[in-house]
Amino acid sequence: MLVVESDDSERPQWEVLAYALDRAPFEQKVHRVDVTTLDGRYFRGDAALVRSVEGAHVFRGAGELIGFDTAELGDP
């Protein structure tokens, strides 16, 4: 998961790279993404599928990333 702050957006931009056991591509649409990190944090949000290649899927946030605290980005 990558979360960044930009000057031209009201909220952070985010992307997720997910790997699946099944190499079939996902449907090209907005999906609900639920992520539990290795340290037990939970995030969720709607994200558009950017691409699927051999079981690797890139999703770009299409709205708020619930569970993320913008204070973690620090001061610009």
N, C-alpha and C. Protein backbone atom coordinates (compact mmCIF):
# COMPACT_ATOMS: atom_id res chain seq x y z
N MET A 1 0.84 -1.16 0.00
CA MET A 1 0.00 0.00 0.00
C MET A 1 0.89 1.23 0.00
N LEU A 2 0.51 2.21 -0.80
CA LEU A 2 1.22 3.48 -0.89
C LEU A 2 0.20 4.59 -0.68
N VAL A 3 0.48 5.51 0.22
CA VAL A 3 -0.39 6.65 0.50
C VAL A 3 0.46 7.90 0.39
N VAL A 4 -0.01 8.87 -0.42
CA VAL A 4 0.73 10.13 -0.58
C VAL A 4 -0.22 11.31 -0.51
N GLU A 5 0.34 12.44 -0.12
CA GLU A 5 -0.41 13.68 -0.08
C GLU A 5 0.02 14.53 -1.26
N SER A 6 -0.96 15.18 -1.92
CA SER A 6 -0.62 16.06 -3.04
C SER A 6 -1.32 17.40 -2.86
N ASP A 7 -0.74 18.44 -3.46
CA ASP A 7 -1.29 19.79 -3.33
C ASP A 7 -2.63 19.94 -4.03
N ASP A 8 -2.89 19.13 -5.05
CA ASP A 8 -4.10 19.31 -5.86
C ASP A 8 -5.25 18.38 -5.45
N SER A 9 -5.19 17.83 -4.26
CA SER A 9 -6.24 16.92 -3.80
C SER A 9 -6.61 17.23 -2.36
N GLU A 10 -7.89 17.09 -2.03
CA GLU A 10 -8.35 17.35 -0.67
C GLU A 10 -8.00 16.23 0.29
N ARG A 11 -7.77 15.04 -0.23
CA ARG A 11 -7.44 13.90 0.63
C ARG A 11 -6.26 13.14 0.03
N PRO A 12 -5.61 12.31 0.81
CA PRO A 12 -4.46 11.55 0.30
C PRO A 12 -4.84 10.65 -0.88
N GLN A 13 -3.89 10.46 -1.77
CA GLN A 13 -4.02 9.52 -2.88
C GLN A 13 -3.47 8.19 -2.40
N TRP A 14 -4.04 7.08 -2.87
CA TRP A 14 -3.54 5.79 -2.40
C TRP A 14 -3.66 4.72 -3.48
N GLU A 15 -2.76 3.75 -3.38
CA GLU A 15 -2.75 2.59 -4.28
C GLU A 15 -2.41 1.35 -3.48
N VAL A 16 -2.88 0.21 -3.98
CA VAL A 16 -2.60 -1.08 -3.37
C VAL A 16 -2.14 -2.03 -4.46
N LEU A 17 -1.07 -2.75 -4.18
CA LEU A 17 -0.62 -3.84 -5.05
C LEU A 17 -0.97 -5.13 -4.34
N ALA A 18 -1.83 -5.93 -4.95
CA ALA A 18 -2.30 -7.17 -4.32
C ALA A 18 -1.94 -8.35 -5.21
N TYR A 19 -1.53 -9.44 -4.59
CA TYR A 19 -1.22 -10.67 -5.31
C TYR A 19 -2.29 -11.71 -5.00
N ALA A 20 -2.67 -12.47 -6.02
CA ALA A 20 -3.69 -13.51 -5.85
C ALA A 20 -3.10 -14.86 -6.25
N LEU A 21 -3.60 -15.91 -5.64
CA LEU A 21 -3.17 -17.26 -6.02
C LEU A 21 -3.66 -17.61 -7.42
N ASP A 22 -4.86 -17.16 -7.76
CA ASP A 22 -5.43 -17.37 -9.09
C ASP A 22 -4.91 -16.27 -10.01
N ARG A 23 -4.30 -16.62 -11.12
CA ARG A 23 -3.70 -15.62 -12.02
C ARG A 23 -4.71 -14.96 -12.96
N ALA A 24 -5.97 -15.32 -12.85
CA ALA A 24 -7.00 -14.73 -13.72
C ALA A 24 -7.13 -13.24 -13.42
N PRO A 25 -7.26 -12.41 -14.47
CA PRO A 25 -7.40 -10.97 -14.23
C PRO A 25 -8.75 -10.66 -13.58
N PHE A 26 -8.78 -9.58 -12.82
CA PHE A 26 -10.03 -9.10 -12.23
C PHE A 26 -10.77 -8.27 -13.26
N GLU A 27 -12.06 -8.08 -13.03
CA GLU A 27 -12.86 -7.24 -13.92
C GLU A 27 -12.41 -5.78 -13.77
N GLN A 28 -12.30 -5.09 -14.90
CA GLN A 28 -11.84 -3.69 -14.94
C GLN A 28 -12.99 -2.79 -14.47
N LYS A 29 -13.03 -2.52 -13.16
CA LYS A 29 -14.07 -1.69 -12.57
C LYS A 29 -13.61 -1.24 -11.19
N VAL A 30 -14.46 -0.53 -10.47
CA VAL A 30 -14.17 -0.13 -9.09
C VAL A 30 -14.56 -1.28 -8.18
N HIS A 31 -13.64 -1.65 -7.30
CA HIS A 31 -13.84 -2.74 -6.34
C HIS A 31 -13.75 -2.19 -4.93
N ARG A 32 -14.37 -2.88 -3.97
CA ARG A 32 -14.16 -2.57 -2.55
C ARG A 32 -12.89 -3.30 -2.15
N VAL A 33 -11.93 -2.57 -1.60
CA VAL A 33 -10.65 -3.15 -1.19
C VAL A 33 -10.59 -3.13 0.33
N ASP A 34 -10.31 -4.28 0.92
CA ASP A 34 -10.12 -4.43 2.36
C ASP A 34 -8.71 -4.96 2.58
N VAL A 35 -7.92 -4.24 3.38
CA VAL A 35 -6.53 -4.61 3.60
C VAL A 35 -6.25 -4.73 5.09
N THR A 36 -5.67 -5.84 5.48
CA THR A 36 -5.15 -6.00 6.84
C THR A 36 -3.63 -6.13 6.71
N THR A 37 -2.92 -5.23 7.35
CA THR A 37 -1.46 -5.21 7.25
C THR A 37 -0.84 -6.27 8.15
N LEU A 38 0.44 -6.51 7.97
CA LEU A 38 1.15 -7.48 8.79
C LEU A 38 1.17 -7.10 10.26
N ASP A 39 1.08 -5.79 10.54
CA ASP A 39 1.05 -5.36 11.94
C ASP A 39 -0.38 -5.22 12.48
N GLY A 40 -1.38 -5.75 11.74
CA GLY A 40 -2.74 -5.83 12.23
C GLY A 40 -3.63 -4.62 11.97
N ARG A 41 -3.15 -3.64 11.22
CA ARG A 41 -3.99 -2.47 10.91
C ARG A 41 -4.96 -2.83 9.79
N TYR A 42 -6.14 -2.20 9.82
CA TYR A 42 -7.18 -2.50 8.83
C TYR A 42 -7.55 -1.24 8.07
N PHE A 43 -7.56 -1.32 6.75
CA PHE A 43 -7.94 -0.22 5.87
C PHE A 43 -8.97 -0.73 4.87
N ARG A 44 -9.82 0.19 4.41
CA ARG A 44 -10.76 -0.19 3.36
C ARG A 44 -11.16 1.04 2.56
N GLY A 45 -11.60 0.77 1.33
CA GLY A 45 -12.06 1.85 0.47
C GLY A 45 -12.34 1.32 -0.92
N ASP A 46 -12.96 2.16 -1.73
CA ASP A 46 -13.22 1.80 -3.12
C ASP A 46 -12.00 2.17 -3.95
N ALA A 47 -11.65 1.27 -4.87
CA ALA A 47 -10.47 1.51 -5.70
C ALA A 47 -10.70 0.93 -7.10
N ALA A 48 -10.23 1.65 -8.09
CA ALA A 48 -10.35 1.20 -9.48
C ALA A 48 -9.18 0.29 -9.82
N LEU A 49 -9.48 -0.79 -10.51
CA LEU A 49 -8.42 -1.68 -10.98
C LEU A 49 -7.67 -0.98 -12.10
N VAL A 50 -6.37 -0.79 -11.92
CA VAL A 50 -5.53 -0.15 -12.94
C VAL A 50 -5.04 -1.20 -13.93
N ARG A 51 -4.54 -2.33 -13.40
CA ARG A 51 -4.07 -3.41 -14.28
C ARG A 51 -3.92 -4.70 -13.48
N SER A 52 -3.97 -5.81 -14.20
CA SER A 52 -3.71 -7.14 -13.65
C SER A 52 -2.69 -7.81 -14.55
N VAL A 53 -1.60 -8.30 -13.96
CA VAL A 53 -0.56 -8.98 -14.72
C VAL A 53 -0.10 -10.20 -13.92
N GLU A 54 -0.38 -11.38 -14.46
CA GLU A 54 0.08 -12.64 -13.88
C GLU A 54 -0.15 -12.75 -12.37
N GLY A 55 -1.35 -12.43 -11.93
CA GLY A 55 -1.70 -12.56 -10.52
C GLY A 55 -1.41 -11.34 -9.67
N ALA A 56 -0.78 -10.31 -10.23
CA ALA A 56 -0.54 -9.06 -9.51
C ALA A 56 -1.57 -8.03 -9.98
N HIS A 57 -2.22 -7.38 -9.02
CA HIS A 57 -3.32 -6.46 -9.32
C HIS A 57 -3.03 -5.10 -8.67
N VAL A 58 -3.09 -4.04 -9.47
CA VAL A 58 -2.86 -2.69 -8.97
C VAL A 58 -4.21 -1.97 -8.90
N PHE A 59 -4.55 -1.49 -7.70
CA PHE A 59 -5.78 -0.75 -7.48
C PHE A 59 -5.44 0.68 -7.07
N ARG A 60 -6.13 1.65 -7.65
CA ARG A 60 -5.93 3.07 -7.29
C ARG A 60 -7.18 3.56 -6.57
N GLY A 61 -6.97 4.20 -5.42
CA GLY A 61 -8.08 4.68 -4.61
C GLY A 61 -9.03 5.56 -5.39
N ALA A 62 -10.33 5.33 -5.20
CA ALA A 62 -11.37 6.11 -5.87
C ALA A 62 -12.20 6.85 -4.82
N GLY A 63 -11.58 7.17 -3.71
CA GLY A 63 -12.25 7.85 -2.61
C GLY A 63 -11.43 7.74 -1.36
N GLU A 64 -12.10 7.93 -0.24
CA GLU A 64 -11.43 7.91 1.06
C GLU A 64 -10.87 6.54 1.41
N LEU A 65 -9.72 6.52 2.06
CA LEU A 65 -9.14 5.30 2.60
C LEU A 65 -9.49 5.26 4.09
N ILE A 66 -10.50 4.50 4.41
CA ILE A 66 -10.99 4.42 5.78
C ILE A 66 -9.98 3.65 6.63
N GLY A 67 -9.66 4.22 7.80
CA GLY A 67 -8.70 3.61 8.70
C GLY A 67 -7.34 4.28 8.66
N PHE A 68 -7.13 5.18 7.68
CA PHE A 68 -5.85 5.88 7.58
C PHE A 68 -5.95 7.25 8.24
N ASP A 69 -4.98 7.56 9.08
CA ASP A 69 -4.92 8.85 9.77
C ASP A 69 -3.95 9.76 9.02
N THR A 70 -4.44 10.86 8.48
CA THR A 70 -3.60 11.77 7.69
C THR A 70 -2.45 12.36 8.50
N ALA A 71 -2.53 12.33 9.83
CA ALA A 71 -1.42 12.81 10.67
C ALA A 71 -0.16 11.98 10.45
N GLU A 72 -0.32 10.75 9.96
CA GLU A 72 0.84 9.89 9.69
C GLU A 72 1.70 10.41 8.54
N LEU A 73 1.16 11.29 7.72
CA LEU A 73 1.91 11.84 6.59
C LEU A 73 2.93 12.87 7.03
N GLY A 74 2.74 13.45 8.21
CA GLY A 74 3.67 14.45 8.71
C GLY A 74 3.40 15.81 8.11
N ASP A 75 4.23 16.78 8.47
CA ASP A 75 4.10 18.13 7.96
C ASP A 75 4.79 18.24 6.63
N PRO A 76 4.16 18.97 5.68
CA PRO A 76 4.81 19.16 4.36
C PRO A 76 6.05 20.01 4.45
